[in-house]
Amino acid sequence: MFKSDDLTPTADARRLPSPERHMTVTPLDMRQARFSATMRGFDKVDVTAFLQEAADGFEHALRENERLRQEIARLEGSIVQFRELESSLKNTLMTAQKVADDMRENAMQEAARIVREAEGRADLLLQKTQARTEDIEREIDGLRLKRREAELNVESTIAALHNTLDFIREQDSREHAQRLVPHLLKIGVA
C-alpha cells in the first residue's frame, strides 16, 4: 500500500501478512499502480515491468491455489462416495449374515456355502475400497503439501520484495546524505 504522492510505504505495508490474513493487493492493483515522478526517482519502465511480472506471478499463484482447492473438494467428494459404498457393503454383509441364519434352519450346508461366498466378495470389495480410499487420502495429502509450498513461495516472494524495497530506500537515503554534506560544507553550515 503506497501513497500516491511518494514511494513511502504506509505502516500496514511494512508488515508481512500472515498466512491467515487475506492479501489486500490484487494483481489488478499491481498492474494499475501509478507513482508520481520525482527528480531522481525510479525508472518508470522498470517499476512497471517489475509490477507486471509480480502481478503475473501472483495471479498464477491465486489460480493454482483455486485449482488445488477445487481438486481437494473433488477428492473429498470421492472419499464420501467411497465411505458410503463401504457402509453399503457393511449393510450388505449384515443382510447376508441374516439370510444365512434363516437358511441354516432349513439347510445348514447350503447356508454355510452362501455365507462363505458372500463374505469373500464383501472382503474383496472392502479391501479394494479401503485401498482406493487410502490412495485418495495420499493424493489429498500431496495436494495439501503442494498448496502449502505455493503459499510459502508467495510468502517468500513478498518477503524478498519487501527486503529489496528496504535496500533501495537505504541506498537513496545514503545518496541523499552524501550529496547534502558537501553542499553544507560549501555554504559553511558544518
Protein backbone atom coordinates (compact mmCIF):
# COMPACT_ATOMS: atom_id res chain seq x y z
CA MET A 1 0.00 0.00 0.00
CA PHE A 2 1.80 3.07 -1.22
CA LYS A 3 0.71 6.65 -1.03
CA SER A 4 0.23 8.05 -4.49
CA ASP A 5 2.38 11.17 -3.82
CA ASP A 6 5.59 9.30 -2.85
CA LEU A 7 7.14 5.86 -2.61
CA THR A 8 6.95 5.56 1.19
CA PRO A 9 5.02 2.53 2.43
CA THR A 10 2.25 3.01 4.91
CA ALA A 11 2.59 1.27 8.29
CA ASP A 12 0.45 -1.63 7.08
CA ALA A 13 2.65 -2.26 4.03
CA ARG A 14 5.81 -2.67 6.15
CA ARG A 15 4.35 -5.69 7.93
CA LEU A 16 4.41 -9.00 6.14
CA PRO A 17 0.96 -10.61 6.05
CA SER A 18 0.43 -13.81 7.97
CA PRO A 19 -0.87 -16.82 6.00
CA GLU A 20 -4.25 -16.45 7.75
CA ARG A 21 -4.65 -12.78 6.69
CA HIS A 22 -6.05 -12.08 3.20
CA MET A 23 -3.95 -10.03 0.82
CA THR A 24 -5.39 -6.62 0.10
CA VAL A 25 -3.32 -6.08 -3.05
CA THR A 26 -4.69 -7.80 -6.12
CA PRO A 27 -2.89 -8.47 -9.41
CA LEU A 28 -5.07 -5.76 -10.96
CA ASP A 29 -3.94 -3.29 -8.24
CA MET A 30 -0.33 -4.12 -9.09
CA ARG A 31 -0.93 -3.61 -12.81
CA GLN A 32 -2.73 -0.30 -12.32
CA ALA A 33 -0.33 1.15 -9.72
CA ARG A 34 0.93 4.60 -10.70
CA PHE A 35 3.63 6.57 -8.91
CA SER A 36 4.44 10.25 -9.17
CA ALA A 37 7.63 11.32 -10.90
CA THR A 38 10.48 12.79 -8.87
CA MET A 39 13.84 14.21 -9.84
CA ARG A 40 15.87 11.12 -9.02
CA GLY A 41 13.04 8.62 -8.80
CA PHE A 42 12.79 5.13 -10.13
CA ASP A 43 12.73 4.30 -13.81
CA LYS A 44 9.02 4.10 -14.65
CA VAL A 45 9.61 1.34 -17.22
CA ASP A 46 11.50 -0.79 -14.70
CA VAL A 47 8.86 -0.25 -11.99
CA THR A 48 6.03 -1.01 -14.43
CA ALA A 49 7.80 -4.13 -15.72
CA PHE A 50 8.51 -5.33 -12.21
CA LEU A 51 4.90 -4.76 -11.10
CA GLN A 52 3.63 -6.55 -14.20
CA GLU A 53 5.89 -9.55 -13.54
CA ALA A 54 4.92 -9.63 -9.84
CA ALA A 55 1.21 -9.33 -10.75
CA ASP A 56 1.52 -12.20 -13.25
CA GLY A 57 3.22 -14.42 -10.67
CA PHE A 58 0.70 -13.51 -8.00
CA GLU A 59 -2.22 -14.14 -10.36
CA HIS A 60 -0.74 -17.53 -11.34
CA ALA A 61 -0.37 -18.47 -7.66
CA LEU A 62 -4.00 -17.45 -6.99
CA ARG A 63 -5.24 -19.53 -9.95
CA GLU A 64 -3.17 -22.53 -8.86
CA ASN A 65 -4.44 -22.18 -5.29
CA GLU A 66 -8.06 -22.13 -6.54
CA ARG A 67 -7.40 -25.15 -8.79
CA LEU A 68 -5.98 -27.05 -5.83
CA ARG A 69 -8.98 -26.09 -3.69
CA GLN A 70 -11.30 -27.45 -6.36
CA GLU A 71 -9.23 -30.64 -6.68
CA ILE A 72 -9.36 -31.15 -2.90
CA ALA A 73 -13.12 -30.63 -2.92
CA ARG A 74 -13.47 -33.16 -5.76
CA LEU A 75 -11.31 -35.72 -3.96
CA GLU A 76 -13.16 -35.20 -0.70
CA GLY A 77 -16.39 -35.86 -2.61
CA SER A 78 -14.87 -39.11 -3.86
CA ILE A 79 -13.96 -40.09 -0.31
CA VAL A 80 -17.56 -39.51 0.78
CA GLN A 81 -18.77 -41.76 -2.06
CA PHE A 82 -16.33 -44.50 -1.12
CA ARG A 83 -17.32 -44.28 2.53
CA GLU A 84 -20.98 -44.60 1.51
CA LEU A 85 -20.03 -47.62 -0.58
CA GLU A 86 -18.20 -49.09 2.41
CA SER A 87 -21.27 -48.53 4.58
CA SER A 88 -23.44 -50.13 1.91
CA LEU A 89 -21.08 -53.11 1.77
CA LYS A 90 -21.24 -53.47 5.55
CA ASN A 91 -25.04 -53.38 5.38
CA THR A 92 -24.94 -55.99 2.62
CA LEU A 93 -22.70 -58.18 4.75
CA MET A 94 -25.09 -57.88 7.71
CA THR A 95 -28.03 -58.76 5.45
CA ALA A 96 -26.16 -61.75 4.06
CA GLN A 97 -25.49 -62.92 7.61
CA LYS A 98 -29.22 -62.69 8.47
CA VAL A 99 -30.13 -64.63 5.33
CA ALA A 100 -27.55 -67.24 6.23
CA ASP A 101 -29.07 -67.60 9.72
CA ASP A 102 -32.56 -68.07 8.23
CA MET A 103 -31.31 -70.62 5.73
CA ARG A 104 -29.39 -72.50 8.44
CA GLU A 105 -32.75 -73.57 9.86
CA ASN A 106 -33.67 -75.17 6.51
CA ALA A 107 -30.33 -76.32 5.12
CA MET A 108 -27.17 -75.92 7.18
CA GLN A 109 -24.73 -76.90 4.41
CA GLU A 110 -26.22 -74.61 1.75
CA ALA A 111 -26.26 -71.68 4.18
CA ALA A 112 -22.55 -72.16 5.03
CA ARG A 113 -21.60 -72.11 1.33
CA ILE A 114 -23.61 -68.92 0.67
CA VAL A 115 -22.09 -67.18 3.70
CA ARG A 116 -18.55 -68.07 2.61
CA GLU A 117 -19.13 -66.71 -0.89
CA ALA A 118 -20.80 -63.51 0.36
CA GLU A 119 -18.07 -62.86 2.93
CA GLY A 120 -15.33 -63.45 0.34
CA ARG A 121 -16.88 -60.99 -2.12
CA ALA A 122 -17.55 -58.45 0.63
CA ASP A 123 -13.98 -58.74 1.96
CA LEU A 124 -12.55 -58.32 -1.52
CA LEU A 125 -14.72 -55.29 -2.23
CA LEU A 126 -13.93 -53.86 1.20
CA GLN A 127 -10.19 -54.34 0.60
CA LYS A 128 -10.44 -52.66 -2.80
CA THR A 129 -12.47 -49.81 -1.33
CA GLN A 130 -10.06 -49.32 1.55
CA ALA A 131 -7.06 -49.38 -0.81
CA ARG A 132 -8.70 -46.78 -3.06
CA THR A 133 -9.62 -44.64 -0.02
CA GLU A 134 -6.00 -44.74 1.14
CA ASP A 135 -4.83 -43.75 -2.35
CA ILE A 136 -7.21 -40.80 -2.40
CA GLU A 137 -6.15 -39.70 1.08
CA ARG A 138 -2.50 -39.81 -0.05
CA GLU A 139 -3.41 -37.70 -3.08
CA ILE A 140 -5.15 -35.18 -0.82
CA ASP A 141 -2.10 -35.05 1.46
CA GLY A 142 0.10 -34.46 -1.59
CA LEU A 143 -2.17 -31.67 -2.80
CA ARG A 144 -2.13 -30.08 0.63
CA LEU A 145 1.67 -30.15 0.58
CA LYS A 146 1.70 -28.57 -2.87
CA ARG A 147 -0.72 -25.91 -1.67
CA ARG A 148 1.49 -25.15 1.35
CA GLU A 149 4.53 -24.97 -0.94
CA ALA A 150 2.69 -22.49 -3.15
CA GLU A 151 1.76 -20.41 -0.09
CA LEU A 152 5.37 -20.48 1.13
CA ASN A 153 6.58 -19.41 -2.32
CA VAL A 154 4.18 -16.46 -2.32
CA GLU A 155 5.26 -15.50 1.21
CA SER A 156 8.93 -15.81 0.22
CA THR A 157 8.38 -13.60 -2.82
CA ILE A 158 6.65 -10.98 -0.70
CA ALA A 159 9.49 -11.03 1.84
CA ALA A 160 12.10 -10.69 -0.93
CA LEU A 161 10.20 -7.75 -2.43
CA HIS A 162 9.99 -6.12 0.98
CA ASN A 163 13.75 -6.57 1.58
CA THR A 164 14.56 -5.20 -1.87
CA LEU A 165 12.41 -2.14 -1.23
CA ASP A 166 14.11 -1.55 2.14
CA PHE A 167 17.54 -1.85 0.49
CA ILE A 168 16.60 0.64 -2.24
CA ARG A 169 15.32 3.11 0.34
CA GLU A 170 18.53 2.77 2.35
CA GLN A 171 20.61 3.43 -0.76
CA ASP A 172 18.53 6.51 -1.60
CA SER A 173 18.92 7.80 1.95
CA ARG A 174 22.72 7.33 1.86
CA GLU A 175 22.98 9.04 -1.52
CA HIS A 176 20.93 11.95 -0.25
CA ALA A 177 23.15 12.29 2.84
CA GLN A 178 26.31 12.13 0.72
CA ARG A 179 25.01 14.91 -1.54
CA LEU A 180 23.89 17.05 1.40
CA VAL A 181 27.19 17.06 3.40
CA PRO A 182 29.37 18.62 0.62
CA HIS A 183 26.64 21.17 -0.03
CA LEU A 184 26.51 22.12 3.65
CA LEU A 185 30.32 22.42 3.75
CA LYS A 186 30.24 24.79 0.78
CA ILE A 187 27.76 27.12 2.42
CA GLY A 188 29.61 26.94 5.73
CA VAL A 189 26.97 25.24 7.86
CA ALA A 190 29.25 22.45 9.08
